[in-house]
Amino acid sequence: MFGIPGRIVEITDFDNYLAKVDVNGVQRTISVRLLENDMPQPEDWVLVHVGFAMAKIDETEALLTLAAVKKLGDAYAAELEAFDSSAIV
């Protein structure tokens, strides 16, 4: 599974399973519906792909993944740009 690690800032809409996540300083609203049986809480790390939290991950895995993804250079920049320009509203 590919995605970018992000830290949950807050659950913004419990009824619709929406949360604000921070990915490398960029904050966006994402869906956490796929994790409704193990809802993330503020400060939890999740793997974000196309506006959805796909899995909860621990901080060690998140930081290792971020370091590895940053080594991708342009691909990482493109993924961050796509994340920055997309949001679930």
PDB file of N, CA and C in Angstrom:
ATOM      1  N   MET A   1       0.852  -1.166   0.000  1.00  0.00           N
ATOM      2  CA  MET A   1       0.000   0.000   0.000  1.00  0.00           C
ATOM      3  C   MET A   1       0.898   1.229   0.000  1.00  0.00           C
ATOM      4  N   PHE A   2       0.635   2.164  -0.901  1.00  0.00           N
ATOM      5  CA  PHE A   2       1.433   3.380  -0.961  1.00  0.00           C
ATOM      6  C   PHE A   2       0.608   4.553  -0.472  1.00  0.00           C
ATOM      7  N   GLY A   3       1.235   5.436   0.220  1.00  0.00           N
ATOM      8  CA  GLY A   3       0.603   6.654   0.695  1.00  0.00           C
ATOM      9  C   GLY A   3       1.641   7.487   1.412  1.00  0.00           C
ATOM     10  N   ILE A   4       1.192   8.601   1.935  1.00  0.00           N
ATOM     11  CA  ILE A   4       2.064   9.509   2.656  1.00  0.00           C
ATOM     12  C   ILE A   4       1.636   9.518   4.119  1.00  0.00           C
ATOM     13  N   PRO A   5       2.574   9.377   5.034  1.00  0.00           N
ATOM     14  CA  PRO A   5       2.213   9.453   6.450  1.00  0.00           C
ATOM     15  C   PRO A   5       1.759  10.861   6.826  1.00  0.00           C
ATOM     16  N   GLY A   6       0.697  10.920   7.586  1.00  0.00           N
ATOM     17  CA  GLY A   6       0.198  12.187   8.098  1.00  0.00           C
ATOM     18  C   GLY A   6      -0.256  12.019   9.533  1.00  0.00           C
ATOM     19  N   ARG A   7      -0.178  13.096  10.278  1.00  0.00           N
ATOM     20  CA  ARG A   7      -0.591  13.059  11.689  1.00  0.00           C
ATOM     21  C   ARG A   7      -1.967  13.708  11.818  1.00  0.00           C
ATOM     22  N   ILE A   8      -2.866  13.026  12.493  1.00  0.00           N
ATOM     23  CA  ILE A   8      -4.205  13.562  12.713  1.00  0.00           C
ATOM     24  C   ILE A   8      -4.102  14.788  13.622  1.00  0.00           C
ATOM     25  N   VAL A   9      -4.662  15.904  13.162  1.00  0.00           N
ATOM     26  CA  VAL A   9      -4.689  17.137  13.939  1.00  0.00           C
ATOM     27  C   VAL A   9      -5.959  17.161  14.788  1.00  0.00           C
ATOM     28  N   GLU A  10      -7.092  16.862  14.140  1.00  0.00           N
ATOM     29  CA  GLU A  10      -8.365  16.818  14.849  1.00  0.00           C
ATOM     30  C   GLU A  10      -9.396  16.070  14.010  1.00  0.00           C
ATOM     31  N   ILE A  11     -10.374  15.516  14.695  1.00  0.00           N
ATOM     32  CA  ILE A  11     -11.528  14.943  14.011  1.00  0.00           C
ATOM     33  C   ILE A  11     -12.488  16.110  13.829  1.00  0.00           C
ATOM     34  N   THR A  12     -12.773  16.458  12.586  1.00  0.00           N
ATOM     35  CA  THR A  12     -13.569  17.658  12.322  1.00  0.00           C
ATOM     36  C   THR A  12     -15.052  17.370  12.169  1.00  0.00           C
ATOM     37  N   ASP A  13     -15.407  16.141  11.814  1.00  0.00           N
ATOM     38  CA  ASP A  13     -16.814  15.779  11.615  1.00  0.00           C
ATOM     39  C   ASP A  13     -16.978  14.292  11.924  1.00  0.00           C
ATOM     40  N   PHE A  14     -17.425  13.996  13.139  1.00  0.00           N
ATOM     41  CA  PHE A  14     -17.568  12.599  13.562  1.00  0.00           C
ATOM     42  C   PHE A  14     -18.607  11.857  12.728  1.00  0.00           C
ATOM     43  N   ASP A  15     -19.724  12.523  12.412  1.00  0.00           N
ATOM     44  CA  ASP A  15     -20.807  11.869  11.667  1.00  0.00           C
ATOM     45  C   ASP A  15     -20.392  11.454  10.265  1.00  0.00           C
ATOM     46  N   ASN A  16     -19.530  12.252   9.641  1.00  0.00           N
ATOM     47  CA  ASN A  16     -19.099  11.965   8.272  1.00  0.00           C
ATOM     48  C   ASN A  16     -17.672  11.427   8.192  1.00  0.00           C
ATOM     49  N   TYR A  17     -17.088  11.115   9.344  1.00  0.00           N
ATOM     50  CA  TYR A  17     -15.753  10.509   9.408  1.00  0.00           C
ATOM     51  C   TYR A  17     -14.684  11.373   8.730  1.00  0.00           C
ATOM     52  N   LEU A  18     -14.670  12.650   9.037  1.00  0.00           N
ATOM     53  CA  LEU A  18     -13.684  13.559   8.457  1.00  0.00           C
ATOM     54  C   LEU A  18     -12.701  14.024   9.524  1.00  0.00           C
ATOM     55  N   ALA A  19     -11.452  14.140   9.120  1.00  0.00           N
ATOM     56  CA  ALA A  19     -10.405  14.585  10.037  1.00  0.00           C
ATOM     57  C   ALA A  19      -9.449  15.511   9.307  1.00  0.00           C
ATOM     58  N   LYS A  20      -8.850  16.419  10.071  1.00  0.00           N
ATOM     59  CA  LYS A  20      -7.788  17.262   9.529  1.00  0.00           C
ATOM     60  C   LYS A  20      -6.481  16.538   9.806  1.00  0.00           C
ATOM     61  N   VAL A  21      -5.657  16.424   8.764  1.00  0.00           N
ATOM     62  CA  VAL A  21      -4.377  15.735   8.882  1.00  0.00           C
ATOM     63  C   VAL A  21      -3.268  16.679   8.439  1.00  0.00           C
ATOM     64  N   ASP A  22      -2.112  16.533   9.050  1.00  0.00           N
ATOM     65  CA  ASP A  22      -0.941  17.326   8.687  1.00  0.00           C
ATOM     66  C   ASP A  22       0.081  16.417   8.022  1.00  0.00           C
ATOM     67  N   VAL A  23       0.411  16.760   6.785  1.00  0.00           N
ATOM     68  CA  VAL A  23       1.433  16.026   6.041  1.00  0.00           C
ATOM     69  C   VAL A  23       2.543  17.009   5.710  1.00  0.00           C
ATOM     70  N   ASN A  24       3.633  16.892   6.425  1.00  0.00           N
ATOM     71  CA  ASN A  24       4.800  17.740   6.174  1.00  0.00           C
ATOM     72  C   ASN A  24       4.448  19.230   6.171  1.00  0.00           C
ATOM     73  N   GLY A  25       3.594  19.646   7.113  1.00  0.00           N
ATOM     74  CA  GLY A  25       3.218  21.047   7.227  1.00  0.00           C
ATOM     75  C   GLY A  25       2.008  21.460   6.423  1.00  0.00           C
ATOM     76  N   VAL A  26       1.509  20.594   5.554  1.00  0.00           N
ATOM     77  CA  VAL A  26       0.322  20.872   4.759  1.00  0.00           C
ATOM     78  C   VAL A  26      -0.860  20.192   5.446  1.00  0.00           C
ATOM     79  N   GLN A  27      -1.911  20.982   5.744  1.00  0.00           N
ATOM     80  CA  GLN A  27      -3.079  20.410   6.403  1.00  0.00           C
ATOM     81  C   GLN A  27      -4.246  20.320   5.434  1.00  0.00           C
ATOM     82  N   ARG A  28      -4.905  19.174   5.479  1.00  0.00           N
ATOM     83  CA  ARG A  28      -6.054  18.916   4.622  1.00  0.00           C
ATOM     84  C   ARG A  28      -7.071  18.090   5.385  1.00  0.00           C
ATOM     85  N   THR A  29      -8.315  18.177   4.941  1.00  0.00           N
ATOM     86  CA  THR A  29      -9.369  17.325   5.476  1.00  0.00           C
ATOM     87  C   THR A  29      -9.394  16.045   4.664  1.00  0.00           C
ATOM     88  N   ILE A  30      -9.407  14.925   5.368  1.00  0.00           N
ATOM     89  CA  ILE A  30      -9.442  13.614   4.718  1.00  0.00           C
ATOM     90  C   ILE A  30     -10.559  12.781   5.334  1.00  0.00           C
ATOM     91  N   SER A  31     -10.898  11.717   4.668  1.00  0.00           N
ATOM     92  CA  SER A  31     -11.867  10.763   5.198  1.00  0.00           C
ATOM     93  C   SER A  31     -11.141   9.705   6.022  1.00  0.00           C
ATOM     94  N   VAL A  32     -11.703   9.405   7.190  1.00  0.00           N
ATOM     95  CA  VAL A  32     -11.180   8.318   8.016  1.00  0.00           C
ATOM     96  C   VAL A  32     -12.188   7.170   8.085  1.00  0.00           C
ATOM     97  N   ARG A  33     -13.161   7.189   7.181  1.00  0.00           N
ATOM     98  CA  ARG A  33     -14.224   6.177   7.180  1.00  0.00           C
ATOM     99  C   ARG A  33     -13.672   4.756   7.061  1.00  0.00           C
ATOM    100  N   LEU A  34     -12.610   4.565   6.307  1.00  0.00           N
ATOM    101  CA  LEU A  34     -12.051   3.219   6.155  1.00  0.00           C
ATOM    102  C   LEU A  34     -11.494   2.681   7.469  1.00  0.00           C
ATOM    103  N   LEU A  35     -11.307   3.562   8.434  1.00  0.00           N
ATOM    104  CA  LEU A  35     -10.767   3.159   9.736  1.00  0.00           C
ATOM    105  C   LEU A  35     -11.817   3.256  10.838  1.00  0.00           C
ATOM    106  N   GLU A  36     -13.099   3.247  10.461  1.00  0.00           N
ATOM    107  CA  GLU A  36     -14.155   3.461  11.451  1.00  0.00           C
ATOM    108  C   GLU A  36     -14.146   2.428  12.573  1.00  0.00           C
ATOM    109  N   ASN A  37     -13.602   1.237  12.336  1.00  0.00           N
ATOM    110  CA  ASN A  37     -13.525   0.220  13.386  1.00  0.00           C
ATOM    111  C   ASN A  37     -12.315   0.409  14.297  1.00  0.00           C
ATOM    112  N   ASP A  38     -11.412   1.292  13.917  1.00  0.00           N
ATOM    113  CA  ASP A  38     -10.225   1.607  14.720  1.00  0.00           C
ATOM    114  C   ASP A  38      -9.913   3.089  14.515  1.00  0.00           C
ATOM    115  N   MET A  39     -10.886   3.937  14.892  1.00  0.00           N
ATOM    116  CA  MET A  39     -10.808   5.368  14.605  1.00  0.00           C
ATOM    117  C   MET A  39      -9.527   6.002  15.141  1.00  0.00           C
ATOM    118  N   PRO A  40      -8.828   6.719  14.270  1.00  0.00           N
ATOM    119  CA  PRO A  40      -7.649   7.451  14.731  1.00  0.00           C
ATOM    120  C   PRO A  40      -8.074   8.627  15.612  1.00  0.00           C
ATOM    121  N   GLN A  41      -7.186   9.003  16.489  1.00  0.00           N
ATOM    122  CA  GLN A  41      -7.400  10.133  17.390  1.00  0.00           C
ATOM    123  C   GLN A  41      -6.336  11.188  17.097  1.00  0.00           C
ATOM    124  N   PRO A  42      -6.551  12.424  17.563  1.00  0.00           N
ATOM    125  CA  PRO A  42      -5.519  13.445  17.373  1.00  0.00           C
ATOM    126  C   PRO A  42      -4.156  12.939  17.853  1.00  0.00           C
ATOM    127  N   GLU A  43      -3.146  13.249  17.068  1.00  0.00           N
ATOM    128  CA  GLU A  43      -1.749  12.850  17.265  1.00  0.00           C
ATOM    129  C   GLU A  43      -1.432  11.466  16.706  1.00  0.00           C
ATOM    130  N   ASP A  44      -2.448  10.682  16.313  1.00  0.00           N
ATOM    131  CA  ASP A  44      -2.182   9.391  15.668  1.00  0.00           C
ATOM    132  C   ASP A  44      -1.643   9.632  14.264  1.00  0.00           C
ATOM    133  N   TRP A  45      -0.834   8.698  13.794  1.00  0.00           N
ATOM    134  CA  TRP A  45      -0.311   8.722  12.429  1.00  0.00           C
ATOM    135  C   TRP A  45      -1.151   7.794  11.562  1.00  0.00           C
ATOM    136  N   VAL A  46      -1.427   8.246  10.335  1.00  0.00           N
ATOM    137  CA  VAL A  46      -2.156   7.427   9.368  1.00  0.00           C
ATOM    138  C   VAL A  46      -1.436   7.488   8.028  1.00  0.00           C
ATOM    139  N   LEU A  47      -1.694   6.503   7.208  1.00  0.00           N
ATOM    140  CA  LEU A  47      -1.169   6.477   5.851  1.00  0.00           C
ATOM    141  C   LEU A  47      -2.264   7.034   4.950  1.00  0.00           C
ATOM    142  N   VAL A  48      -1.984   8.155   4.268  1.00  0.00           N
ATOM    143  CA  VAL A  48      -2.982   8.870   3.466  1.00  0.00           C
ATOM    144  C   VAL A  48      -2.749   8.614   1.985  1.00  0.00           C
ATOM    145  N   HIS A  49      -3.839   8.256   1.292  1.00  0.00           N
ATOM    146  CA  HIS A  49      -3.775   8.054  -0.159  1.00  0.00           C
ATOM    147  C   HIS A  49      -5.090   8.526  -0.754  1.00  0.00           C
ATOM    148  N   VAL A  50      -5.017   9.376  -1.749  1.00  0.00           N
ATOM    149  CA  VAL A  50      -6.155   9.961  -2.472  1.00  0.00           C
ATOM    150  C   VAL A  50      -7.276  10.427  -1.538  1.00  0.00           C
ATOM    151  N   GLY A  51      -6.890  11.122  -0.462  1.00  0.00           N
ATOM    152  CA  GLY A  51      -7.879  11.716   0.425  1.00  0.00           C
ATOM    153  C   GLY A  51      -8.462  10.802   1.481  1.00  0.00           C
ATOM    154  N   PHE A  52      -7.927   9.601   1.600  1.00  0.00           N
ATOM    155  CA  PHE A  52      -8.428   8.643   2.585  1.00  0.00           C
ATOM    156  C   PHE A  52      -7.298   8.172   3.487  1.00  0.00           C
ATOM    157  N   ALA A  53      -7.601   8.036   4.773  1.00  0.00           N
ATOM    158  CA  ALA A  53      -6.679   7.371   5.688  1.00  0.00           C
ATOM    159  C   ALA A  53      -6.841   5.881   5.429  1.00  0.00           C
ATOM    160  N   MET A  54      -5.773   5.245   4.975  1.00  0.00           N
ATOM    161  CA  MET A  54      -5.833   3.831   4.600  1.00  0.00           C
ATOM    162  C   MET A  54      -5.498   2.904   5.764  1.00  0.00           C
ATOM    163  N   ALA A  55      -4.633   3.368   6.678  1.00  0.00           N
ATOM    164  CA  ALA A  55      -4.205   2.534   7.801  1.00  0.00           C
ATOM    165  C   ALA A  55      -3.611   3.421   8.880  1.00  0.00           C
ATOM    166  N   LYS A  56      -3.737   2.972  10.123  1.00  0.00           N
ATOM    167  CA  LYS A  56      -3.020   3.627  11.213  1.00  0.00           C
ATOM    168  C   LYS A  56      -1.617   3.043  11.245  1.00  0.00           C
ATOM    169  N   ILE A  57      -0.635   3.906  11.488  1.00  0.00           N
ATOM    170  CA  ILE A  57       0.748   3.451  11.605  1.00  0.00           C
ATOM    171  C   ILE A  57       1.355   4.094  12.842  1.00  0.00           C
ATOM    172  N   ASP A  58       2.424   3.500  13.351  1.00  0.00           N
ATOM    173  CA  ASP A  58       3.057   4.103  14.523  1.00  0.00           C
ATOM    174  C   ASP A  58       4.038   5.190  14.076  1.00  0.00           C
ATOM    175  N   GLU A  59       4.475   5.986  15.036  1.00  0.00           N
ATOM    176  CA  GLU A  59       5.334   7.127  14.714  1.00  0.00           C
ATOM    177  C   GLU A  59       6.657   6.700  14.086  1.00  0.00           C
ATOM    178  N   THR A  60       7.226   5.608  14.565  1.00  0.00           N
ATOM    179  CA  THR A  60       8.494   5.131  13.998  1.00  0.00           C
ATOM    180  C   THR A  60       8.327   4.801  12.522  1.00  0.00           C
ATOM    181  N   GLU A  61       7.279   4.057  12.194  1.00  0.00           N
ATOM    182  CA  GLU A  61       7.014   3.713  10.793  1.00  0.00           C
ATOM    183  C   GLU A  61       6.750   4.967   9.973  1.00  0.00           C
ATOM    184  N   ALA A  62       6.010   5.921  10.545  1.00  0.00           N
ATOM    185  CA  ALA A  62       5.706   7.162   9.834  1.00  0.00           C
ATOM    186  C   ALA A  62       6.981   7.928   9.495  1.00  0.00           C
ATOM    187  N   LEU A  63       7.865   8.073  10.474  1.00  0.00           N
ATOM    188  CA  LEU A  63       9.096   8.836  10.245  1.00  0.00           C
ATOM    189  C   LEU A  63      10.036   8.130   9.277  1.00  0.00           C
ATOM    190  N   LEU A  64      10.120   6.806   9.373  1.00  0.00           N
ATOM    191  CA  LEU A  64      10.943   6.044   8.420  1.00  0.00           C
ATOM    192  C   LEU A  64      10.381   6.161   7.005  1.00  0.00           C
ATOM    193  N   THR A  65       9.066   6.084   6.883  1.00  0.00           N
ATOM    194  CA  THR A  65       8.430   6.197   5.568  1.00  0.00           C
ATOM    195  C   THR A  65       8.631   7.589   4.990  1.00  0.00           C
ATOM    196  N   LEU A  66       8.464   8.625   5.809  1.00  0.00           N
ATOM    197  CA  LEU A  66       8.689   9.993   5.332  1.00  0.00           C
ATOM    198  C   LEU A  66      10.117  10.180   4.845  1.00  0.00           C
ATOM    199  N   ALA A  67      11.071   9.644   5.583  1.00  0.00           N
ATOM    200  CA  ALA A  67      12.476   9.758   5.171  1.00  0.00           C
ATOM    201  C   ALA A  67      12.710   9.050   3.842  1.00  0.00           C
ATOM    202  N   ALA A  68      12.124   7.869   3.675  1.00  0.00           N
ATOM    203  CA  ALA A  68      12.289   7.114   2.429  1.00  0.00           C
ATOM    204  C   ALA A  68      11.613   7.823   1.264  1.00  0.00           C
ATOM    205  N   VAL A  69      10.417   8.353   1.497  1.00  0.00           N
ATOM    206  CA  VAL A  69       9.669   9.020   0.430  1.00  0.00           C
ATOM    207  C   VAL A  69      10.379  10.302   0.002  1.00  0.00           C
ATOM    208  N   LYS A  70      10.965  11.019   0.957  1.00  0.00           N
ATOM    209  CA  LYS A  70      11.680  12.254   0.615  1.00  0.00           C
ATOM    210  C   LYS A  70      12.852  11.979  -0.315  1.00  0.00           C
ATOM    211  N   LYS A  71      13.425  10.792  -0.228  1.00  0.00           N
ATOM    212  CA  LYS A  71      14.535  10.422  -1.109  1.00  0.00           C
ATOM    213  C   LYS A  71      14.084  10.254  -2.554  1.00  0.00           C
ATOM    214  N   LEU A  72      12.777  10.142  -2.766  1.00  0.00           N
ATOM    215  CA  LEU A  72      12.254  10.009  -4.128  1.00  0.00           C
ATOM    216  C   LEU A  72      12.327  11.325  -4.894  1.00  0.00           C
ATOM    217  N   GLY A  73      12.589  12.413  -4.201  1.00  0.00           N
ATOM    218  CA  GLY A  73      12.770  13.704  -4.858  1.00  0.00           C
ATOM    219  C   GLY A  73      11.527  14.205  -5.554  1.00  0.00           C
ATOM    220  N   ASP A  74      11.556  14.251  -6.889  1.00  0.00           N
ATOM    221  CA  ASP A  74      10.462  14.815  -7.675  1.00  0.00           C
ATOM    222  C   ASP A  74       9.147  14.081  -7.450  1.00  0.00           C
ATOM    223  N   ALA A  75       9.195  12.785  -7.291  1.00  0.00           N
ATOM    224  CA  ALA A  75       7.968  12.012  -7.065  1.00  0.00           C
ATOM    225  C   ALA A  75       7.322  12.434  -5.747  1.00  0.00           C
ATOM    226  N   TYR A  76       8.134  12.659  -4.727  1.00  0.00           N
ATOM    227  CA  TYR A  76       7.619  13.110  -3.429  1.00  0.00           C
ATOM    228  C   TYR A  76       7.038  14.511  -3.562  1.00  0.00           C
ATOM    229  N   ALA A  77       7.733  15.388  -4.266  1.00  0.00           N
ATOM    230  CA  ALA A  77       7.247  16.755  -4.465  1.00  0.00           C
ATOM    231  C   ALA A  77       5.911  16.744  -5.197  1.00  0.00           C
ATOM    232  N   ALA A  78       5.778  15.880  -6.200  1.00  0.00           N
ATOM    233  CA  ALA A  78       4.526  15.778  -6.949  1.00  0.00           C
ATOM    234  C   ALA A  78       3.400  15.260  -6.062  1.00  0.00           C
ATOM    235  N   GLU A  79       3.705  14.291  -5.215  1.00  0.00           N
ATOM    236  CA  GLU A  79       2.696  13.739  -4.307  1.00  0.00           C
ATOM    237  C   GLU A  79       2.247  14.800  -3.303  1.00  0.00           C
ATOM    238  N   LEU A  80       3.182  15.578  -2.774  1.00  0.00           N
ATOM    239  CA  LEU A  80       2.823  16.654  -1.848  1.00  0.00           C
ATOM    240  C   LEU A  80       2.007  17.729  -2.544  1.00  0.00           C
ATOM    241  N   GLU A  81       2.367  18.050  -3.778  1.00  0.00           N
ATOM    242  CA  GLU A  81       1.610  19.042  -4.541  1.00  0.00           C
ATOM    243  C   GLU A  81       0.184  18.561  -4.768  1.00  0.00           C
ATOM    244  N   ALA A  82       0.032  17.289  -5.116  1.00  0.00           N
ATOM    245  CA  ALA A  82      -1.304  16.721  -5.308  1.00  0.00           C
ATOM    246  C   ALA A  82      -2.079  16.754  -3.997  1.00  0.00           C
ATOM    247  N   PHE A  83      -1.421  16.446  -2.894  1.00  0.00           N
ATOM    248  CA  PHE A  83      -2.073  16.477  -1.588  1.00  0.00           C
ATOM    249  C   PHE A  83      -2.494  17.897  -1.244  1.00  0.00           C
ATOM    250  N   ASP A  84      -1.621  18.864  -1.533  1.00  0.00           N
ATOM    251  CA  ASP A  84      -1.891  20.262  -1.225  1.00  0.00           C
ATOM    252  C   ASP A  84      -3.082  20.793  -2.011  1.00  0.00           C
ATOM    253  N   SER A  85      -3.288  20.287  -3.213  1.00  0.00           N
ATOM    254  CA  SER A  85      -4.359  20.810  -4.062  1.00  0.00           C
ATOM    255  C   SER A  85      -5.652  20.024  -3.947  1.00  0.00           C
ATOM    256  N   SER A  86      -5.678  19.001  -3.112  1.00  0.00           N
ATOM    257  CA  SER A  86      -6.893  18.205  -2.965  1.00  0.00           C
ATOM    258  C   SER A  86      -7.362  18.234  -1.525  1.00  0.00           C
ATOM    259  N   ALA A  87      -8.655  18.210  -1.372  1.00  0.00           N
ATOM    260  CA  ALA A  87      -9.232  18.158  -0.031  1.00  0.00           C
ATOM    261  C   ALA A  87     -10.655  17.654  -0.141  1.00  0.00           C
ATOM    262  N   ILE A  88     -11.084  16.962   0.867  1.00  0.00           N
ATOM    263  CA  ILE A  88     -12.479  16.551   0.952  1.00  0.00           C
ATOM    264  C   ILE A  88     -13.193  17.636   1.734  1.00  0.00           C
ATOM    265  N   VAL A  89     -14.236  18.189   1.149  1.00  0.00           N
ATOM    266  CA  VAL A  89     -14.988  19.251   1.832  1.00  0.00           C
ATOM    267  C   VAL A  89     -16.439  18.888   1.942  1.00  0.00           C
TER     268      VAL A  89
END
